[in-house]
Structures are given as C-alpha cells and as structure tokens.
Amino acid sequence: MPSTLLVRPVLLAALALGGAGPASADRNDRSKPLTLESDKPCTVDLVRQVSVCSGNVVIAQGTLQIRADRVELRETADGYRQAIAIGSASAPALYRQRRDGSEEHVEGSADRVEYDARADTLRFIGNAQVRRLRGAVPSEEIQGSLILWDNTAEQFTVQGGAPSPGNPTGRVRAVLAPREASAPTAAAAASSATLRPSGTLGERQ
C-alpha cells in the first residue's frame, strides 16, 4: 500500500515525483506543432503575439495537452511560448503529458495552470493536484494550494495554504508509492539461505 505523508501548510516540500525515476516531460514534444481549439472565437493580437480563447479550450503539442475554460497564449520575442489556463466554476484547468522515455503520464489540475516553455516550468495554483499514472492507475499523488514543476531540475515543490472546498484542511498531502523492489542476485540469494534467526532476540529486559 502507498504511504501517506501530511505536512503543515507553512512547509515547502521538494519532491521528485515518481520513486522509480525522474518526472521529466517528453522532450520530443518541444519539436511538435502546437494546436489550439475552442468553442468560442479567439482574439489574436499579432503585434503583442497574444491569443486569448475561451469555451472548452484545448492546447495540444505532442503528448502535452492543456484543457481549460479560458486560455491566454503568448509567444516571446525569442520564440518561446507561455500559456495561462483558467478553469471554470464547475471544472478546473487540466494538464496531461507523457514522461520522457516512458509510457507513464503525469497529469494535474488546478484553478489556474501556468506554463512557461522558456523556464520549462508549470505552476498549478489553487486546489492543485498532480499525479503520476502507470497506465490508468495512479501511483503517486500530490495535493496543495500551489505546486511548481521545474522540469529542468526534475523536481516538484508543493505548498499548503488556506482551507478550500477541495482541501478543507489546507494541508499539503503526498501519497507516494514504494520503489519497485529489484530482483535479488544469485549471490545474495545464496547468502540469505545461510541466515538463521537469533535465539537471543527479544530476551533483553
């Protein structure tokens, strides 16, 4: 069973999501074209290089997908993209992406998700939740008021905050699956076969 870790709201916990390895996003996504779809018309400012869309907005780039009620997408002068995704009153903003060199996925939700391609970071703000999936089964899960994913450092930072409907206690919560045990070597197996329980254990006063 996964272990549960509860941390006071004032504490920042730096967590490498996934005990079996780093949580870096699929690096091939950066070279893929980016598509943006929405139910309502988008406002595109070619001078400021800013696009604002609303109504079931979907951004996709390779395995990266962001869904939200409203998205502001901008491109910096040096060609990097930044996105701010805002959820609605009934549904949070959603993020999903495959881990690099793996079939596992990382997905997250929050009232607001900020993506910065240049800094290679994601910020989940308000009722934030991020989890790693092995197939369709969650293996790790982090909850807090603010979660920062630094993809370059392959590290998550999570912070608690004021109580909210999604987090009544305002506490940080992390559920971490144990590392997968490696198979014992033949030498280790032979060595363990000679061990015997001690007859003196438990006799001390």
N, C-alpha and C. Protein backbone atom coordinates (compact mmCIF):
# COMPACT_ATOMS: atom_id res chain seq x y z
N MET A 1 0.85 -1.19 0.00
CA MET A 1 0.00 0.00 0.00
C MET A 1 0.88 1.24 0.00
N PRO A 2 0.49 2.34 -0.71
CA PRO A 2 1.26 3.55 -0.69
C PRO A 2 1.26 4.16 0.70
N SER A 3 2.35 4.87 1.03
CA SER A 3 2.41 5.56 2.30
C SER A 3 1.84 6.96 2.12
N THR A 4 1.35 7.56 3.23
CA THR A 4 0.75 8.88 3.18
C THR A 4 1.57 9.82 4.03
N LEU A 5 1.86 11.00 3.47
CA LEU A 5 2.67 12.00 4.16
C LEU A 5 1.86 13.27 4.25
N LEU A 6 1.63 13.77 5.47
CA LEU A 6 0.92 15.03 5.68
C LEU A 6 1.90 16.04 6.24
N VAL A 7 1.93 17.25 5.65
CA VAL A 7 2.90 18.27 6.04
C VAL A 7 2.15 19.55 6.38
N ARG A 8 2.62 20.30 7.36
CA ARG A 8 1.96 21.54 7.74
C ARG A 8 1.98 22.54 6.59
N PRO A 9 0.97 23.46 6.53
CA PRO A 9 0.84 24.35 5.39
C PRO A 9 2.04 25.25 5.16
N VAL A 10 2.78 25.64 6.22
CA VAL A 10 3.87 26.58 6.06
C VAL A 10 5.11 25.91 5.48
N LEU A 11 5.10 24.60 5.36
CA LEU A 11 6.29 23.88 4.93
C LEU A 11 6.29 23.69 3.43
N LEU A 12 7.43 23.92 2.79
CA LEU A 12 7.60 23.63 1.38
C LEU A 12 8.25 22.26 1.26
N ALA A 13 7.68 21.40 0.45
CA ALA A 13 8.23 20.05 0.27
C ALA A 13 8.70 19.91 -1.17
N ALA A 14 9.99 19.69 -1.38
CA ALA A 14 10.52 19.45 -2.72
C ALA A 14 10.51 17.95 -2.97
N LEU A 15 9.73 17.54 -3.97
CA LEU A 15 9.50 16.11 -4.19
C LEU A 15 9.83 15.77 -5.63
N ALA A 16 10.64 14.73 -5.83
CA ALA A 16 10.83 14.19 -7.17
C ALA A 16 9.71 13.19 -7.40
N LEU A 17 8.75 13.55 -8.21
CA LEU A 17 7.56 12.72 -8.38
C LEU A 17 7.95 11.44 -9.08
N GLY A 18 7.65 10.31 -8.43
CA GLY A 18 7.94 9.01 -9.03
C GLY A 18 9.19 8.41 -8.43
N GLY A 19 9.03 7.44 -7.54
CA GLY A 19 10.17 6.83 -6.90
C GLY A 19 11.03 6.03 -7.85
N ALA A 20 10.48 5.63 -9.00
CA ALA A 20 11.24 4.79 -9.91
C ALA A 20 12.09 5.59 -10.87
N GLY A 21 12.01 6.91 -10.84
CA GLY A 21 12.83 7.70 -11.75
C GLY A 21 12.35 9.12 -11.82
N PRO A 22 13.04 9.99 -12.59
CA PRO A 22 12.68 11.39 -12.68
C PRO A 22 11.36 11.59 -13.40
N ALA A 23 10.77 12.78 -13.22
CA ALA A 23 9.44 13.04 -13.75
C ALA A 23 9.49 13.96 -14.96
N SER A 24 10.59 13.98 -15.69
CA SER A 24 10.73 14.91 -16.80
C SER A 24 9.72 14.61 -17.89
N ALA A 25 9.24 15.70 -18.53
CA ALA A 25 8.26 15.56 -19.60
C ALA A 25 8.93 15.04 -20.87
N ASP A 26 8.11 14.54 -21.78
CA ASP A 26 8.60 14.03 -23.06
C ASP A 26 9.26 15.17 -23.84
N ARG A 27 10.57 15.08 -24.02
CA ARG A 27 11.31 16.18 -24.65
C ARG A 27 11.04 16.28 -26.14
N ASN A 28 10.50 15.23 -26.75
CA ASN A 28 10.15 15.30 -28.17
C ASN A 28 8.98 16.23 -28.43
N ASP A 29 8.19 16.53 -27.39
CA ASP A 29 7.04 17.40 -27.58
C ASP A 29 7.43 18.79 -28.04
N ARG A 30 8.63 19.24 -27.67
CA ARG A 30 9.05 20.60 -27.99
C ARG A 30 9.17 20.84 -29.48
N SER A 31 9.45 19.79 -30.23
CA SER A 31 9.63 19.93 -31.68
C SER A 31 8.33 19.73 -32.46
N LYS A 32 7.23 19.43 -31.76
CA LYS A 32 5.95 19.18 -32.42
C LYS A 32 5.17 20.49 -32.61
N PRO A 33 4.31 20.55 -33.63
CA PRO A 33 3.47 21.74 -33.80
C PRO A 33 2.45 21.86 -32.68
N LEU A 34 2.07 23.08 -32.35
CA LEU A 34 1.11 23.35 -31.31
C LEU A 34 -0.23 23.70 -31.94
N THR A 35 -1.30 23.07 -31.47
CA THR A 35 -2.64 23.37 -31.95
C THR A 35 -3.49 23.91 -30.82
N LEU A 36 -4.43 24.79 -31.15
CA LEU A 36 -5.30 25.41 -30.17
C LEU A 36 -6.72 25.38 -30.71
N GLU A 37 -7.66 24.84 -29.92
CA GLU A 37 -9.06 24.77 -30.31
C GLU A 37 -9.93 25.33 -29.20
N SER A 38 -11.09 25.91 -29.58
CA SER A 38 -12.03 26.42 -28.58
C SER A 38 -13.42 26.49 -29.18
N ASP A 39 -14.43 26.50 -28.30
CA ASP A 39 -15.81 26.60 -28.76
C ASP A 39 -16.15 28.02 -29.23
N LYS A 40 -15.55 29.02 -28.58
CA LYS A 40 -15.83 30.41 -28.90
C LYS A 40 -14.68 31.01 -29.72
N PRO A 41 -14.93 32.10 -30.44
CA PRO A 41 -13.86 32.73 -31.23
C PRO A 41 -12.69 33.18 -30.36
N CYS A 42 -11.50 33.16 -30.95
CA CYS A 42 -10.29 33.61 -30.27
C CYS A 42 -9.96 35.04 -30.69
N THR A 43 -9.35 35.78 -29.78
CA THR A 43 -8.83 37.11 -30.09
C THR A 43 -7.33 36.98 -30.27
N VAL A 44 -6.83 37.36 -31.44
CA VAL A 44 -5.41 37.22 -31.76
C VAL A 44 -4.81 38.61 -31.98
N ASP A 45 -3.82 38.95 -31.17
CA ASP A 45 -3.10 40.22 -31.28
C ASP A 45 -1.73 39.93 -31.88
N LEU A 46 -1.57 40.22 -33.18
CA LEU A 46 -0.32 39.90 -33.86
C LEU A 46 0.82 40.81 -33.41
N VAL A 47 0.50 42.00 -32.97
CA VAL A 47 1.55 42.92 -32.51
C VAL A 47 2.14 42.43 -31.20
N ARG A 48 1.28 42.09 -30.25
CA ARG A 48 1.74 41.64 -28.94
C ARG A 48 2.01 40.14 -28.91
N GLN A 49 1.65 39.43 -29.98
CA GLN A 49 1.81 37.98 -30.07
C GLN A 49 1.08 37.28 -28.93
N VAL A 50 -0.19 37.69 -28.75
CA VAL A 50 -1.02 37.13 -27.69
C VAL A 50 -2.34 36.64 -28.29
N SER A 51 -2.74 35.43 -27.94
CA SER A 51 -4.02 34.87 -28.35
C SER A 51 -4.81 34.54 -27.10
N VAL A 52 -6.09 34.94 -27.07
CA VAL A 52 -6.96 34.65 -25.93
C VAL A 52 -8.18 33.89 -26.44
N CYS A 53 -8.41 32.69 -25.91
CA CYS A 53 -9.52 31.85 -26.32
C CYS A 53 -10.32 31.43 -25.10
N SER A 54 -11.60 31.17 -25.30
CA SER A 54 -12.46 30.73 -24.19
C SER A 54 -13.48 29.74 -24.70
N GLY A 55 -14.02 28.95 -23.76
CA GLY A 55 -15.02 27.96 -24.10
C GLY A 55 -14.42 26.62 -24.47
N ASN A 56 -14.20 25.76 -23.48
CA ASN A 56 -13.67 24.41 -23.73
C ASN A 56 -12.40 24.45 -24.57
N VAL A 57 -11.42 25.20 -24.12
CA VAL A 57 -10.17 25.38 -24.86
C VAL A 57 -9.27 24.16 -24.69
N VAL A 58 -8.66 23.73 -25.79
CA VAL A 58 -7.73 22.61 -25.77
C VAL A 58 -6.45 23.03 -26.48
N ILE A 59 -5.32 22.94 -25.78
CA ILE A 59 -4.00 23.15 -26.37
C ILE A 59 -3.30 21.80 -26.43
N ALA A 60 -2.74 21.45 -27.57
CA ALA A 60 -2.05 20.17 -27.73
C ALA A 60 -0.74 20.38 -28.45
N GLN A 61 0.31 19.73 -27.94
CA GLN A 61 1.62 19.74 -28.58
C GLN A 61 2.29 18.41 -28.28
N GLY A 62 2.27 17.50 -29.25
CA GLY A 62 2.77 16.16 -28.99
C GLY A 62 1.90 15.48 -27.94
N THR A 63 2.52 15.00 -26.86
CA THR A 63 1.76 14.37 -25.78
C THR A 63 1.24 15.38 -24.77
N LEU A 64 1.68 16.65 -24.88
CA LEU A 64 1.24 17.70 -23.96
C LEU A 64 -0.18 18.13 -24.32
N GLN A 65 -1.04 18.20 -23.31
CA GLN A 65 -2.41 18.67 -23.51
C GLN A 65 -2.84 19.50 -22.32
N ILE A 66 -3.42 20.67 -22.60
CA ILE A 66 -3.96 21.56 -21.57
C ILE A 66 -5.40 21.87 -21.95
N ARG A 67 -6.32 21.69 -20.99
CA ARG A 67 -7.73 21.98 -21.19
C ARG A 67 -8.18 22.98 -20.14
N ALA A 68 -8.96 23.97 -20.56
CA ALA A 68 -9.42 24.98 -19.61
C ALA A 68 -10.60 25.74 -20.21
N ASP A 69 -11.27 26.51 -19.36
CA ASP A 69 -12.37 27.34 -19.83
C ASP A 69 -11.85 28.56 -20.58
N ARG A 70 -10.66 29.06 -20.17
CA ARG A 70 -10.07 30.23 -20.82
C ARG A 70 -8.55 30.07 -20.84
N VAL A 71 -7.95 30.38 -21.98
CA VAL A 71 -6.50 30.26 -22.12
C VAL A 71 -5.94 31.52 -22.79
N GLU A 72 -4.88 32.04 -22.20
CA GLU A 72 -4.12 33.13 -22.81
C GLU A 72 -2.77 32.56 -23.24
N LEU A 73 -2.49 32.62 -24.53
CA LEU A 73 -1.26 32.05 -25.08
C LEU A 73 -0.45 33.17 -25.71
N ARG A 74 0.82 33.28 -25.30
CA ARG A 74 1.68 34.32 -25.87
C ARG A 74 3.00 33.72 -26.30
N GLU A 75 3.65 34.38 -27.27
CA GLU A 75 4.97 33.96 -27.74
C GLU A 75 5.95 35.08 -27.48
N THR A 76 7.07 34.77 -26.83
CA THR A 76 8.08 35.77 -26.50
C THR A 76 8.90 36.12 -27.74
N ALA A 77 9.68 37.17 -27.63
CA ALA A 77 10.48 37.63 -28.77
C ALA A 77 11.49 36.60 -29.22
N ASP A 78 11.93 35.73 -28.32
CA ASP A 78 12.91 34.71 -28.67
C ASP A 78 12.25 33.38 -29.04
N GLY A 79 10.92 33.39 -29.24
CA GLY A 79 10.25 32.23 -29.80
C GLY A 79 9.70 31.22 -28.81
N TYR A 80 9.75 31.51 -27.52
CA TYR A 80 9.20 30.59 -26.52
C TYR A 80 7.73 30.90 -26.26
N ARG A 81 6.95 29.89 -25.89
CA ARG A 81 5.53 30.07 -25.63
C ARG A 81 5.24 30.04 -24.14
N GLN A 82 4.26 30.84 -23.76
CA GLN A 82 3.77 30.86 -22.39
C GLN A 82 2.25 30.77 -22.44
N ALA A 83 1.66 30.03 -21.53
CA ALA A 83 0.22 29.86 -21.51
C ALA A 83 -0.30 29.99 -20.08
N ILE A 84 -1.45 30.65 -19.95
CA ILE A 84 -2.17 30.73 -18.69
C ILE A 84 -3.54 30.12 -18.92
N ALA A 85 -3.84 29.04 -18.23
CA ALA A 85 -5.11 28.33 -18.39
C ALA A 85 -5.92 28.50 -17.11
N ILE A 86 -7.18 28.91 -17.26
CA ILE A 86 -8.04 29.18 -16.11
C ILE A 86 -9.28 28.29 -16.20
N GLY A 87 -9.56 27.60 -15.13
CA GLY A 87 -10.73 26.74 -15.09
C GLY A 87 -12.00 27.52 -14.85
N SER A 88 -13.13 26.84 -14.93
CA SER A 88 -14.43 27.46 -14.69
C SER A 88 -14.87 27.14 -13.26
N ALA A 89 -16.05 27.64 -12.89
CA ALA A 89 -16.57 27.38 -11.55
C ALA A 89 -16.89 25.90 -11.36
N SER A 90 -17.17 25.21 -12.44
CA SER A 90 -17.55 23.80 -12.34
C SER A 90 -16.44 22.82 -12.68
N ALA A 91 -15.36 23.30 -13.32
CA ALA A 91 -14.29 22.39 -13.75
C ALA A 91 -12.94 23.10 -13.70
N PRO A 92 -11.91 22.44 -13.14
CA PRO A 92 -10.58 23.06 -13.07
C PRO A 92 -9.88 23.02 -14.42
N ALA A 93 -8.78 23.75 -14.53
CA ALA A 93 -7.90 23.62 -15.69
C ALA A 93 -7.14 22.31 -15.55
N LEU A 94 -6.91 21.63 -16.69
CA LEU A 94 -6.30 20.30 -16.68
C LEU A 94 -5.03 20.29 -17.52
N TYR A 95 -4.07 19.48 -17.08
CA TYR A 95 -2.80 19.30 -17.79
C TYR A 95 -2.48 17.81 -17.84
N ARG A 96 -1.92 17.35 -18.95
CA ARG A 96 -1.50 15.96 -19.08
C ARG A 96 -0.33 15.88 -20.05
N GLN A 97 0.68 15.06 -19.71
CA GLN A 97 1.84 14.88 -20.59
C GLN A 97 2.54 13.57 -20.25
N ARG A 98 3.09 12.92 -21.26
CA ARG A 98 3.83 11.67 -21.06
C ARG A 98 5.21 11.98 -20.50
N ARG A 99 5.70 11.09 -19.64
CA ARG A 99 7.05 11.22 -19.11
C ARG A 99 8.07 10.81 -20.17
N ASP A 100 9.22 11.43 -20.14
CA ASP A 100 10.25 11.18 -21.14
C ASP A 100 10.75 9.74 -21.06
N GLY A 101 10.75 9.04 -22.21
CA GLY A 101 11.24 7.67 -22.27
C GLY A 101 10.39 6.68 -21.53
N SER A 102 9.11 6.95 -21.38
CA SER A 102 8.24 6.07 -20.59
C SER A 102 6.84 6.13 -21.17
N GLU A 103 6.05 5.12 -20.83
CA GLU A 103 4.63 5.13 -21.18
C GLU A 103 3.79 5.67 -20.02
N GLU A 104 4.44 6.11 -18.96
CA GLU A 104 3.72 6.72 -17.85
C GLU A 104 3.36 8.17 -18.19
N HIS A 105 2.33 8.68 -17.54
CA HIS A 105 1.89 10.05 -17.76
C HIS A 105 1.84 10.80 -16.43
N VAL A 106 2.02 12.11 -16.51
CA VAL A 106 1.79 12.99 -15.38
C VAL A 106 0.61 13.88 -15.75
N GLU A 107 -0.36 13.98 -14.86
CA GLU A 107 -1.49 14.86 -15.09
C GLU A 107 -1.75 15.69 -13.85
N GLY A 108 -2.31 16.87 -14.06
CA GLY A 108 -2.57 17.76 -12.95
C GLY A 108 -3.80 18.61 -13.21
N SER A 109 -4.34 19.17 -12.13
CA SER A 109 -5.49 20.06 -12.23
C SER A 109 -5.35 21.15 -11.19
N ALA A 110 -5.94 22.30 -11.48
CA ALA A 110 -5.90 23.44 -10.56
C ALA A 110 -6.88 24.50 -11.06
N ASP A 111 -7.15 25.48 -10.21
CA ASP A 111 -7.97 26.61 -10.65
C ASP A 111 -7.28 27.35 -11.80
N ARG A 112 -5.94 27.37 -11.75
CA ARG A 112 -5.15 28.09 -12.75
C ARG A 112 -3.86 27.32 -13.00
N VAL A 113 -3.51 27.14 -14.26
CA VAL A 113 -2.27 26.46 -14.63
C VAL A 113 -1.46 27.41 -15.51
N GLU A 114 -0.19 27.62 -15.15
CA GLU A 114 0.70 28.50 -15.91
C GLU A 114 1.85 27.67 -16.48
N TYR A 115 2.03 27.76 -17.78
CA TYR A 115 3.06 27.00 -18.48
C TYR A 115 4.06 27.97 -19.09
N ASP A 116 5.35 27.78 -18.80
CA ASP A 116 6.42 28.63 -19.32
C ASP A 116 7.44 27.74 -20.02
N ALA A 117 7.45 27.76 -21.37
CA ALA A 117 8.34 26.88 -22.12
C ALA A 117 9.79 27.28 -21.95
N ARG A 118 10.07 28.57 -21.82
CA ARG A 118 11.47 29.00 -21.68
C ARG A 118 12.06 28.55 -20.35
N ALA A 119 11.33 28.77 -19.26
CA ALA A 119 11.81 28.33 -17.94
C ALA A 119 11.61 26.83 -17.74
N ASP A 120 10.79 26.22 -18.63
CA ASP A 120 10.47 24.80 -18.54
C ASP A 120 9.82 24.48 -17.20
N THR A 121 8.80 25.28 -16.85
CA THR A 121 8.11 25.10 -15.59
C THR A 121 6.59 25.10 -15.79
N LEU A 122 5.90 24.49 -14.85
CA LEU A 122 4.45 24.51 -14.76
C LEU A 122 4.08 24.90 -13.33
N ARG A 123 3.11 25.79 -13.21
CA ARG A 123 2.60 26.20 -11.89
C ARG A 123 1.12 25.84 -11.82
N PHE A 124 0.75 25.06 -10.81
CA PHE A 124 -0.64 24.72 -10.55
C PHE A 124 -1.08 25.53 -9.33
N ILE A 125 -2.05 26.42 -9.51
CA ILE A 125 -2.40 27.40 -8.48
C ILE A 125 -3.85 27.23 -8.07
N GLY A 126 -4.09 27.00 -6.79
CA GLY A 126 -5.44 26.89 -6.26
C GLY A 126 -6.02 25.50 -6.43
N ASN A 127 -6.28 24.81 -5.32
CA ASN A 127 -6.82 23.44 -5.35
C ASN A 127 -6.00 22.56 -6.28
N ALA A 128 -4.68 22.64 -6.15
CA ALA A 128 -3.77 21.97 -7.07
C ALA A 128 -3.62 20.49 -6.74
N GLN A 129 -3.55 19.69 -7.79
CA GLN A 129 -3.34 18.25 -7.64
C GLN A 129 -2.55 17.74 -8.84
N VAL A 130 -1.50 17.01 -8.57
CA VAL A 130 -0.67 16.41 -9.62
C VAL A 130 -0.47 14.95 -9.28
N ARG A 131 -0.57 14.07 -10.28
CA ARG A 131 -0.36 12.65 -10.02
C ARG A 131 0.33 11.99 -11.21
N ARG A 132 1.01 10.88 -10.91
CA ARG A 132 1.67 10.08 -11.94
C ARG A 132 0.85 8.82 -12.16
N LEU A 133 0.65 8.46 -13.42
CA LEU A 133 -0.17 7.32 -13.77
C LEU A 133 0.68 6.23 -14.41
N ARG A 134 0.53 5.01 -13.92
CA ARG A 134 1.07 3.83 -14.60
C ARG A 134 -0.11 3.19 -15.33
N GLY A 135 -0.22 3.47 -16.60
CA GLY A 135 -1.42 3.09 -17.33
C GLY A 135 -2.54 4.00 -16.88
N ALA A 136 -3.62 3.41 -16.34
CA ALA A 136 -4.72 4.21 -15.82
C ALA A 136 -4.72 4.25 -14.29
N VAL A 137 -3.67 3.68 -13.67
CA VAL A 137 -3.64 3.55 -12.21
C VAL A 137 -2.71 4.61 -11.61
N PRO A 138 -3.20 5.48 -10.72
CA PRO A 138 -2.33 6.47 -10.06
C PRO A 138 -1.31 5.78 -9.16
N SER A 139 -0.05 6.18 -9.27
CA SER A 139 0.99 5.62 -8.41
C SER A 139 1.50 6.64 -7.40
N GLU A 140 1.49 7.91 -7.73
CA GLU A 140 1.84 8.98 -6.80
C GLU A 140 0.85 10.13 -6.98
N GLU A 141 0.59 10.84 -5.90
CA GLU A 141 -0.33 11.96 -5.96
C GLU A 141 0.10 13.03 -4.97
N ILE A 142 0.09 14.30 -5.40
CA ILE A 142 0.46 15.42 -4.55
C ILE A 142 -0.67 16.44 -4.59
N GLN A 143 -1.06 16.97 -3.43
CA GLN A 143 -2.09 17.99 -3.34
C GLN A 143 -1.62 19.15 -2.50
N GLY A 144 -2.02 20.35 -2.87
CA GLY A 144 -1.68 21.55 -2.13
C GLY A 144 -2.32 22.76 -2.76
N SER A 145 -2.02 23.94 -2.23
CA SER A 145 -2.58 25.16 -2.82
C SER A 145 -1.74 25.63 -4.00
N LEU A 146 -0.45 25.28 -4.00
CA LEU A 146 0.45 25.68 -5.09
C LEU A 146 1.45 24.55 -5.34
N ILE A 147 1.55 24.11 -6.58
CA ILE A 147 2.53 23.10 -6.97
C ILE A 147 3.32 23.65 -8.14
N LEU A 148 4.65 23.65 -8.01
CA LEU A 148 5.54 24.10 -9.07
C LEU A 148 6.31 22.91 -9.60
N TRP A 149 6.25 22.67 -10.90
CA TRP A 149 7.02 21.62 -11.55
C TRP A 149 8.15 22.28 -12.32
N ASP A 150 9.39 22.08 -11.84
CA ASP A 150 10.59 22.53 -12.53
C ASP A 150 11.11 21.35 -13.33
N ASN A 151 10.84 21.34 -14.63
CA ASN A 151 11.20 20.20 -15.45
C ASN A 151 12.70 20.06 -15.61
N THR A 152 13.44 21.19 -15.62
CA THR A 152 14.89 21.15 -15.76
C THR A 152 15.53 20.45 -14.56
N ALA A 153 15.07 20.78 -13.37
CA ALA A 153 15.58 20.16 -12.15
C ALA A 153 14.89 18.83 -11.84
N GLU A 154 13.84 18.50 -12.62
CA GLU A 154 13.06 17.28 -12.39
C GLU A 154 12.58 17.23 -10.95
N GLN A 155 11.91 18.32 -10.54
CA GLN A 155 11.53 18.45 -9.14
C GLN A 155 10.19 19.16 -9.01
N PHE A 156 9.36 18.69 -8.07
CA PHE A 156 8.13 19.35 -7.70
C PHE A 156 8.31 20.06 -6.37
N THR A 157 7.74 21.26 -6.24
CA THR A 157 7.66 21.93 -4.95
C THR A 157 6.19 22.17 -4.66
N VAL A 158 5.74 21.77 -3.49
CA VAL A 158 4.32 21.88 -3.16
C VAL A 158 4.16 22.66 -1.86
N GLN A 159 3.15 23.54 -1.82
CA GLN A 159 2.92 24.39 -0.66
C GLN A 159 1.45 24.34 -0.28
N GLY A 160 1.18 24.27 1.04
CA GLY A 160 -0.19 24.33 1.52
C GLY A 160 -0.67 25.76 1.59
N GLY A 161 -1.92 25.93 1.99
CA GLY A 161 -2.47 27.27 2.07
C GLY A 161 -3.75 27.29 2.88
N ALA A 162 -4.56 28.30 2.61
CA ALA A 162 -5.82 28.44 3.34
C ALA A 162 -6.77 27.31 2.97
N PRO A 163 -7.62 26.89 3.89
CA PRO A 163 -8.60 25.84 3.58
C PRO A 163 -9.48 26.23 2.40
N SER A 164 -9.86 25.24 1.60
CA SER A 164 -10.69 25.47 0.42
C SER A 164 -11.61 24.27 0.28
N PRO A 165 -12.65 24.37 -0.58
CA PRO A 165 -13.55 23.22 -0.76
C PRO A 165 -12.81 21.95 -1.19
N GLY A 166 -11.78 22.10 -2.04
CA GLY A 166 -11.03 20.94 -2.48
C GLY A 166 -10.03 20.44 -1.47
N ASN A 167 -9.67 21.29 -0.50
CA ASN A 167 -8.69 20.92 0.52
C ASN A 167 -9.12 21.57 1.84
N PRO A 168 -10.09 20.98 2.54
CA PRO A 168 -10.67 21.62 3.72
C PRO A 168 -9.67 21.94 4.83
N THR A 169 -8.61 21.17 4.94
CA THR A 169 -7.63 21.40 6.00
C THR A 169 -6.52 22.36 5.57
N GLY A 170 -6.38 22.63 4.28
CA GLY A 170 -5.32 23.50 3.80
C GLY A 170 -3.94 22.90 3.91
N ARG A 171 -3.86 21.58 4.11
CA ARG A 171 -2.58 20.93 4.31
C ARG A 171 -2.03 20.37 3.02
N VAL A 172 -0.72 20.24 2.95
CA VAL A 172 -0.07 19.51 1.87
C VAL A 172 -0.30 18.02 2.08
N ARG A 173 -0.57 17.30 0.99
CA ARG A 173 -0.77 15.85 1.11
C ARG A 173 -0.05 15.18 -0.05
N ALA A 174 0.79 14.21 0.28
CA ALA A 174 1.52 13.46 -0.75
C ALA A 174 1.33 11.97 -0.49
N VAL A 175 0.91 11.25 -1.50
CA VAL A 175 0.79 9.80 -1.44
C VAL A 175 1.83 9.24 -2.39
N LEU A 176 2.83 8.55 -1.87
CA LEU A 176 3.98 8.11 -2.65
C LEU A 176 4.06 6.59 -2.66
N ALA A 177 4.08 6.00 -3.84
CA ALA A 177 4.20 4.55 -3.96
C ALA A 177 5.63 4.14 -3.63
N PRO A 178 5.83 2.97 -3.04
CA PRO A 178 7.19 2.49 -2.75
C PRO A 178 7.94 2.18 -4.03
N ARG A 179 9.26 2.23 -3.95
CA ARG A 179 10.08 1.83 -5.08
C ARG A 179 9.84 0.36 -5.40
N GLU A 180 9.90 0.03 -6.68
CA GLU A 180 9.75 -1.37 -7.05
C GLU A 180 11.01 -2.13 -6.65
N ALA A 181 10.84 -3.21 -5.91
CA ALA A 181 11.99 -3.99 -5.43
C ALA A 181 12.68 -4.66 -6.60
N SER A 182 14.00 -4.60 -6.61
CA SER A 182 14.77 -5.25 -7.67
C SER A 182 14.96 -6.72 -7.34
N ALA A 183 15.12 -7.55 -8.35
CA ALA A 183 15.30 -8.99 -8.14
C ALA A 183 16.64 -9.25 -7.48
N PRO A 184 16.72 -10.14 -6.47
CA PRO A 184 17.99 -10.42 -5.80
C PRO A 184 18.94 -11.18 -6.72
N THR A 185 20.23 -10.91 -6.54
CA THR A 185 21.23 -11.61 -7.32
C THR A 185 21.38 -13.03 -6.79
N ALA A 186 22.00 -13.92 -7.58
CA ALA A 186 22.19 -15.31 -7.16
C ALA A 186 23.07 -15.37 -5.91
N ALA A 187 24.09 -14.49 -5.85
CA ALA A 187 24.98 -14.49 -4.69
C ALA A 187 24.22 -14.08 -3.44
N ALA A 188 23.36 -13.05 -3.58
CA ALA A 188 22.59 -12.59 -2.43
C ALA A 188 21.62 -13.66 -1.97
N ALA A 189 21.01 -14.37 -2.93
CA ALA A 189 20.07 -15.42 -2.57
C ALA A 189 20.77 -16.56 -1.83
N ALA A 190 21.99 -16.92 -2.28
CA ALA A 190 22.73 -17.98 -1.62
C ALA A 190 23.14 -17.56 -0.22
N SER A 191 23.53 -16.28 -0.10
CA SER A 191 23.93 -15.79 1.21
C SER A 191 22.77 -15.80 2.19
N SER A 192 21.60 -15.37 1.73
CA SER A 192 20.45 -15.30 2.63
C SER A 192 20.00 -16.69 3.07
N ALA A 193 20.30 -17.71 2.29
CA ALA A 193 19.87 -19.06 2.64
C ALA A 193 20.60 -19.59 3.87
N THR A 194 21.77 -19.02 4.21
CA THR A 194 22.53 -19.50 5.37
C THR A 194 22.17 -18.76 6.64
N LEU A 195 21.34 -17.73 6.57
CA LEU A 195 21.00 -16.96 7.75
C LEU A 195 20.01 -17.72 8.60
N ARG A 196 20.16 -17.60 9.93
CA ARG A 196 19.25 -18.23 10.87
C ARG A 196 18.80 -17.18 11.88
N PRO A 197 17.57 -17.24 12.38
CA PRO A 197 17.13 -16.28 13.39
C PRO A 197 17.93 -16.43 14.68
N SER A 198 18.20 -15.32 15.34
CA SER A 198 18.93 -15.33 16.59
C SER A 198 18.03 -15.77 17.73
N GLY A 199 18.56 -16.67 18.59
CA GLY A 199 17.76 -17.13 19.72
C GLY A 199 17.75 -16.12 20.86
N THR A 200 18.60 -15.06 20.78
CA THR A 200 18.67 -14.08 21.88
C THR A 200 17.80 -12.87 21.63
N LEU A 201 17.29 -12.68 20.42
CA LEU A 201 16.49 -11.50 20.14
C LEU A 201 15.20 -11.51 20.98
N GLY A 202 14.88 -10.40 21.54
CA GLY A 202 13.66 -10.26 22.31
C GLY A 202 13.81 -10.70 23.77
N GLU A 203 15.02 -11.15 24.17
CA GLU A 203 15.20 -11.62 25.55
C GLU A 203 15.74 -10.53 26.46
N ARG A 204 16.16 -9.38 25.84
CA ARG A 204 16.70 -8.32 26.69
C ARG A 204 15.59 -7.65 27.48
N GLN A 205 15.92 -7.28 28.73
CA GLN A 205 14.95 -6.61 29.58
C GLN A 205 15.03 -5.12 29.36
